[in-house]
Amino acid sequence: MKKLILFLVIAGSIACSKKKFHCIQFYSRECDTDPWAENYQKGDTEDEKIAKMGFFLRNINIDFEELTFEDSGGGCRGCHTCVGNHLIQMKLDEENLERLLNLDLLELSYYNCD
């Protein structure tokens, strides 16, 4: 009986600790007018930009499982309203998603990350 109760407690804690993740994507803005782009420097590689964006997000208490940039080939001449050069994809949990949605993201959409 004690083994059964212990098993149920362990199984319940594992089930409760499993987080639901969401995958979202949005575009960087032309002219690097997104708040995380303030730290970009001319000549930064994509890896450096990802690291700086990750630092910015964690600094405002938004944690994530994955963060990637893809070349979007975008571009027009309207700073802040036009798609920039990167499609940003993130995987994060519900709590962090709510915080992220408070940012002014360009063309936000969800995608299947299973």
N, C-alpha and C. Protein backbone atom coordinates (compact mmCIF):
# COMPACT_ATOMS: atom_id res chain seq x y z
N MET A 1 0.82 -1.20 0.00
CA MET A 1 0.00 0.00 0.00
C MET A 1 0.87 1.27 0.00
N LYS A 2 1.94 1.25 0.82
CA LYS A 2 2.82 2.41 0.87
C LYS A 2 3.50 2.65 -0.48
N LYS A 3 3.86 1.56 -1.17
CA LYS A 3 4.50 1.68 -2.48
C LYS A 3 3.53 2.30 -3.49
N LEU A 4 2.25 1.91 -3.41
CA LEU A 4 1.25 2.45 -4.32
C LEU A 4 1.06 3.95 -4.09
N ILE A 5 0.99 4.36 -2.84
CA ILE A 5 0.83 5.78 -2.52
C ILE A 5 2.05 6.56 -2.98
N LEU A 6 3.24 6.02 -2.72
CA LEU A 6 4.47 6.69 -3.15
C LEU A 6 4.50 6.82 -4.67
N PHE A 7 4.11 5.77 -5.37
CA PHE A 7 4.06 5.82 -6.83
C PHE A 7 3.10 6.89 -7.31
N LEU A 8 1.93 7.00 -6.72
CA LEU A 8 0.93 7.99 -7.11
C LEU A 8 1.43 9.41 -6.86
N VAL A 9 2.11 9.61 -5.75
CA VAL A 9 2.66 10.93 -5.42
C VAL A 9 3.73 11.32 -6.45
N ILE A 10 4.62 10.38 -6.77
CA ILE A 10 5.68 10.66 -7.74
C ILE A 10 5.08 10.89 -9.12
N ALA A 11 4.15 10.04 -9.54
CA ALA A 11 3.52 10.21 -10.84
C ALA A 11 2.76 11.53 -10.92
N GLY A 12 2.09 11.90 -9.86
CA GLY A 12 1.36 13.17 -9.84
C GLY A 12 2.28 14.37 -9.92
N SER A 13 3.42 14.30 -9.24
CA SER A 13 4.34 15.44 -9.28
C SER A 13 4.99 15.56 -10.65
N ILE A 14 5.24 14.45 -11.32
CA ILE A 14 5.80 14.51 -12.67
C ILE A 14 4.77 15.11 -13.63
N ALA A 15 3.53 14.68 -13.52
CA ALA A 15 2.48 15.20 -14.40
C ALA A 15 2.26 16.68 -14.18
N CYS A 16 2.31 17.12 -12.94
CA CYS A 16 2.08 18.53 -12.62
C CYS A 16 3.25 19.41 -13.06
N SER A 17 4.45 18.85 -13.10
CA SER A 17 5.61 19.66 -13.43
C SER A 17 5.82 19.79 -14.94
N LYS A 18 5.09 19.03 -15.73
CA LYS A 18 5.24 19.11 -17.18
C LYS A 18 4.59 20.39 -17.69
N LYS A 19 5.40 21.25 -18.29
CA LYS A 19 4.91 22.54 -18.78
C LYS A 19 4.42 22.40 -20.21
N LYS A 20 3.45 23.23 -20.56
CA LYS A 20 3.00 23.30 -21.94
C LYS A 20 3.77 24.43 -22.61
N PHE A 21 4.35 24.13 -23.74
CA PHE A 21 5.14 25.12 -24.46
C PHE A 21 4.40 25.62 -25.69
N HIS A 22 4.67 26.86 -26.04
CA HIS A 22 4.10 27.49 -27.23
C HIS A 22 5.27 27.90 -28.12
N CYS A 23 5.04 27.80 -29.41
CA CYS A 23 6.05 28.25 -30.37
C CYS A 23 5.46 29.42 -31.13
N ILE A 24 6.20 30.50 -31.13
CA ILE A 24 5.74 31.72 -31.80
C ILE A 24 6.83 32.21 -32.74
N GLN A 25 6.42 33.01 -33.67
CA GLN A 25 7.39 33.65 -34.56
C GLN A 25 6.92 35.07 -34.86
N PHE A 26 7.87 35.92 -35.07
CA PHE A 26 7.61 37.32 -35.41
C PHE A 26 8.84 37.86 -36.12
N TYR A 27 8.71 39.03 -36.70
CA TYR A 27 9.80 39.60 -37.48
C TYR A 27 10.49 40.73 -36.71
N SER A 28 11.79 40.84 -36.97
CA SER A 28 12.50 42.03 -36.49
C SER A 28 12.02 43.21 -37.34
N ARG A 29 12.23 44.40 -36.83
CA ARG A 29 11.80 45.60 -37.55
C ARG A 29 12.94 46.19 -38.36
N GLU A 30 12.58 46.76 -39.48
CA GLU A 30 13.55 47.48 -40.31
C GLU A 30 14.19 48.57 -39.45
N CYS A 31 15.44 48.85 -39.68
CA CYS A 31 16.22 49.88 -38.96
C CYS A 31 16.53 49.47 -37.51
N ASP A 32 16.32 48.19 -37.16
CA ASP A 32 16.61 47.71 -35.80
C ASP A 32 15.98 48.59 -34.72
N THR A 33 14.66 48.83 -34.84
CA THR A 33 13.98 49.67 -33.86
C THR A 33 13.30 48.87 -32.75
N ASP A 34 13.50 47.55 -32.71
CA ASP A 34 12.97 46.74 -31.61
C ASP A 34 13.77 47.05 -30.35
N PRO A 35 13.13 46.93 -29.18
CA PRO A 35 13.84 47.31 -27.94
C PRO A 35 15.12 46.52 -27.69
N TRP A 36 15.17 45.25 -28.09
CA TRP A 36 16.38 44.45 -27.86
C TRP A 36 17.51 44.84 -28.80
N ALA A 37 17.20 45.55 -29.88
CA ALA A 37 18.22 45.91 -30.87
C ALA A 37 19.08 47.09 -30.42
N GLU A 38 18.70 47.73 -29.32
CA GLU A 38 19.50 48.86 -28.82
C GLU A 38 20.94 48.46 -28.58
N ASN A 39 21.16 47.19 -28.26
CA ASN A 39 22.51 46.72 -27.93
C ASN A 39 23.28 46.19 -29.13
N TYR A 40 22.63 46.12 -30.30
CA TYR A 40 23.33 45.65 -31.50
C TYR A 40 24.39 46.65 -31.89
N GLN A 41 25.47 46.13 -32.43
CA GLN A 41 26.52 46.98 -32.95
C GLN A 41 26.76 46.61 -34.40
N LYS A 42 27.17 47.56 -35.18
CA LYS A 42 27.45 47.31 -36.60
C LYS A 42 28.45 46.16 -36.71
N GLY A 43 28.13 45.21 -37.54
CA GLY A 43 29.02 44.07 -37.72
C GLY A 43 28.74 42.88 -36.82
N ASP A 44 27.73 42.98 -35.93
CA ASP A 44 27.37 41.84 -35.09
C ASP A 44 26.95 40.66 -35.96
N THR A 45 27.40 39.48 -35.58
CA THR A 45 26.96 38.27 -36.28
C THR A 45 25.56 37.91 -35.79
N GLU A 46 24.91 36.98 -36.49
CA GLU A 46 23.60 36.53 -36.05
C GLU A 46 23.68 35.92 -34.65
N ASP A 47 24.72 35.15 -34.37
CA ASP A 47 24.88 34.56 -33.04
C ASP A 47 24.98 35.64 -31.96
N GLU A 48 25.69 36.71 -32.26
CA GLU A 48 25.81 37.81 -31.30
C GLU A 48 24.47 38.50 -31.10
N LYS A 49 23.72 38.68 -32.19
CA LYS A 49 22.39 39.30 -32.07
C LYS A 49 21.44 38.42 -31.26
N ILE A 50 21.48 37.10 -31.49
CA ILE A 50 20.65 36.18 -30.71
C ILE A 50 21.02 36.27 -29.24
N ALA A 51 22.30 36.27 -28.94
CA ALA A 51 22.76 36.35 -27.55
C ALA A 51 22.29 37.66 -26.90
N LYS A 52 22.38 38.76 -27.62
CA LYS A 52 21.97 40.05 -27.07
C LYS A 52 20.46 40.11 -26.89
N MET A 53 19.70 39.53 -27.81
CA MET A 53 18.25 39.49 -27.64
C MET A 53 17.89 38.61 -26.45
N GLY A 54 18.54 37.46 -26.33
CA GLY A 54 18.31 36.58 -25.19
C GLY A 54 18.61 37.27 -23.87
N PHE A 55 19.70 38.02 -23.81
CA PHE A 55 20.05 38.76 -22.60
C PHE A 55 18.97 39.79 -22.28
N PHE A 56 18.52 40.51 -23.30
CA PHE A 56 17.46 41.51 -23.10
C PHE A 56 16.20 40.85 -22.54
N LEU A 57 15.77 39.75 -23.15
CA LEU A 57 14.53 39.08 -22.70
C LEU A 57 14.66 38.57 -21.27
N ARG A 58 15.77 37.95 -20.96
CA ARG A 58 15.95 37.43 -19.59
C ARG A 58 16.06 38.56 -18.58
N ASN A 59 16.59 39.68 -19.02
CA ASN A 59 16.71 40.84 -18.14
C ASN A 59 15.33 41.42 -17.78
N ILE A 60 14.32 41.21 -18.62
CA ILE A 60 12.96 41.66 -18.30
C ILE A 60 12.08 40.48 -17.89
N ASN A 61 12.74 39.43 -17.39
CA ASN A 61 12.07 38.25 -16.83
C ASN A 61 11.26 37.45 -17.83
N ILE A 62 11.75 37.33 -19.05
CA ILE A 62 11.14 36.45 -20.04
C ILE A 62 12.17 35.37 -20.35
N ASP A 63 11.84 34.14 -19.95
CA ASP A 63 12.72 33.01 -20.19
C ASP A 63 12.16 32.19 -21.34
N PHE A 64 13.00 31.45 -22.03
CA PHE A 64 12.57 30.69 -23.20
C PHE A 64 13.38 29.42 -23.30
N GLU A 65 12.85 28.46 -24.02
CA GLU A 65 13.54 27.20 -24.26
C GLU A 65 14.41 27.28 -25.50
N GLU A 66 13.91 27.93 -26.54
CA GLU A 66 14.64 28.05 -27.80
C GLU A 66 14.46 29.44 -28.37
N LEU A 67 15.49 29.92 -29.06
CA LEU A 67 15.44 31.21 -29.73
C LEU A 67 16.28 31.09 -30.99
N THR A 68 15.67 31.33 -32.15
CA THR A 68 16.42 31.24 -33.40
C THR A 68 16.08 32.42 -34.30
N PHE A 69 16.99 32.75 -35.17
CA PHE A 69 16.80 33.76 -36.20
C PHE A 69 16.89 33.06 -37.55
N GLU A 70 16.05 33.46 -38.47
CA GLU A 70 16.16 33.01 -39.86
C GLU A 70 16.17 34.25 -40.73
N ASP A 71 16.93 34.19 -41.80
CA ASP A 71 16.96 35.32 -42.73
C ASP A 71 15.60 35.43 -43.40
N SER A 72 14.96 36.58 -43.28
CA SER A 72 13.64 36.75 -43.87
C SER A 72 13.71 37.40 -45.25
N GLY A 73 14.86 37.97 -45.55
CA GLY A 73 15.00 38.65 -46.83
C GLY A 73 14.12 39.88 -46.94
N GLY A 74 13.57 40.29 -45.80
CA GLY A 74 12.65 41.42 -45.80
C GLY A 74 13.37 42.73 -46.01
N GLY A 75 12.60 43.75 -45.94
CA GLY A 75 13.19 45.06 -46.03
C GLY A 75 12.34 45.99 -46.88
N CYS A 76 12.14 47.14 -46.36
CA CYS A 76 11.51 48.23 -47.09
C CYS A 76 12.07 49.50 -46.45
N ARG A 77 11.55 50.60 -46.74
CA ARG A 77 12.15 51.83 -46.22
C ARG A 77 11.38 52.45 -45.07
N GLY A 78 10.45 51.71 -44.50
CA GLY A 78 9.66 52.25 -43.39
C GLY A 78 10.15 51.74 -42.05
N CYS A 79 11.01 52.50 -41.41
CA CYS A 79 11.53 52.09 -40.11
C CYS A 79 10.38 51.85 -39.13
N HIS A 80 10.49 50.83 -38.35
CA HIS A 80 9.58 50.41 -37.29
C HIS A 80 8.30 49.76 -37.81
N THR A 81 7.92 49.95 -39.05
CA THR A 81 6.68 49.35 -39.55
C THR A 81 6.94 48.24 -40.56
N CYS A 82 8.13 48.15 -41.07
CA CYS A 82 8.44 47.15 -42.09
C CYS A 82 9.24 45.99 -41.50
N VAL A 83 9.08 44.84 -42.14
CA VAL A 83 9.81 43.64 -41.75
C VAL A 83 11.30 43.85 -41.99
N GLY A 84 12.08 43.50 -40.98
CA GLY A 84 13.53 43.59 -41.09
C GLY A 84 14.11 42.33 -41.69
N ASN A 85 15.34 42.04 -41.35
CA ASN A 85 16.05 40.93 -41.98
C ASN A 85 15.87 39.59 -41.30
N HIS A 86 15.18 39.52 -40.15
CA HIS A 86 15.11 38.27 -39.41
C HIS A 86 13.69 37.87 -39.04
N LEU A 87 13.40 36.59 -39.23
CA LEU A 87 12.24 35.95 -38.65
C LEU A 87 12.72 35.33 -37.35
N ILE A 88 12.12 35.72 -36.25
CA ILE A 88 12.55 35.26 -34.93
C ILE A 88 11.56 34.20 -34.47
N GLN A 89 12.07 33.05 -34.08
CA GLN A 89 11.23 31.96 -33.59
C GLN A 89 11.61 31.63 -32.16
N MET A 90 10.59 31.42 -31.33
CA MET A 90 10.82 31.14 -29.92
C MET A 90 9.91 30.02 -29.44
N LYS A 91 10.42 29.28 -28.47
CA LYS A 91 9.64 28.28 -27.77
C LYS A 91 9.67 28.67 -26.30
N LEU A 92 8.49 28.88 -25.71
CA LEU A 92 8.43 29.31 -24.32
C LEU A 92 7.14 28.84 -23.68
N ASP A 93 7.13 28.88 -22.35
CA ASP A 93 5.95 28.41 -21.62
C ASP A 93 4.90 29.51 -21.52
N GLU A 94 3.73 29.13 -20.98
CA GLU A 94 2.57 30.02 -20.91
C GLU A 94 2.87 31.32 -20.16
N GLU A 95 3.51 31.21 -19.01
CA GLU A 95 3.79 32.39 -18.18
C GLU A 95 4.69 33.39 -18.92
N ASN A 96 5.73 32.88 -19.57
CA ASN A 96 6.65 33.75 -20.30
C ASN A 96 6.02 34.28 -21.58
N LEU A 97 5.13 33.49 -22.18
CA LEU A 97 4.42 33.95 -23.37
C LEU A 97 3.59 35.19 -23.04
N GLU A 98 2.91 35.16 -21.90
CA GLU A 98 2.09 36.32 -21.51
C GLU A 98 2.94 37.57 -21.38
N ARG A 99 4.13 37.44 -20.80
CA ARG A 99 5.02 38.60 -20.66
C ARG A 99 5.51 39.09 -22.03
N LEU A 100 5.84 38.13 -22.90
CA LEU A 100 6.33 38.48 -24.22
C LEU A 100 5.27 39.23 -25.03
N LEU A 101 4.02 38.85 -24.87
CA LEU A 101 2.95 39.48 -25.63
C LEU A 101 2.76 40.95 -25.26
N ASN A 102 3.34 41.38 -24.15
CA ASN A 102 3.28 42.80 -23.77
C ASN A 102 4.22 43.66 -24.61
N LEU A 103 5.15 43.01 -25.32
CA LEU A 103 6.04 43.75 -26.21
C LEU A 103 5.31 43.98 -27.53
N ASP A 104 5.70 45.00 -28.23
CA ASP A 104 5.09 45.34 -29.52
C ASP A 104 5.81 44.53 -30.61
N LEU A 105 5.29 43.31 -30.88
CA LEU A 105 5.94 42.41 -31.83
C LEU A 105 5.33 42.54 -33.22
N LEU A 106 6.14 42.43 -34.24
CA LEU A 106 5.70 42.62 -35.61
C LEU A 106 5.29 41.28 -36.24
N GLU A 107 4.03 41.21 -36.67
CA GLU A 107 3.47 40.04 -37.36
C GLU A 107 3.64 38.76 -36.56
N LEU A 108 3.20 38.77 -35.32
CA LEU A 108 3.27 37.62 -34.43
C LEU A 108 2.34 36.52 -34.93
N SER A 109 2.83 35.29 -34.93
CA SER A 109 2.00 34.13 -35.25
C SER A 109 2.51 32.93 -34.47
N TYR A 110 1.66 31.92 -34.37
CA TYR A 110 2.01 30.68 -33.68
C TYR A 110 2.33 29.63 -34.73
N TYR A 111 3.17 28.67 -34.38
CA TYR A 111 3.44 27.53 -35.25
C TYR A 111 3.56 26.28 -34.41
N ASN A 112 3.43 25.15 -35.06
CA ASN A 112 3.46 23.86 -34.36
C ASN A 112 4.91 23.48 -34.11
N CYS A 113 5.25 23.26 -32.86
CA CYS A 113 6.63 22.92 -32.53
C CYS A 113 6.77 21.48 -32.03
N ASP A 114 5.76 20.67 -32.25
CA ASP A 114 5.84 19.27 -31.82
C ASP A 114 6.75 18.46 -32.70
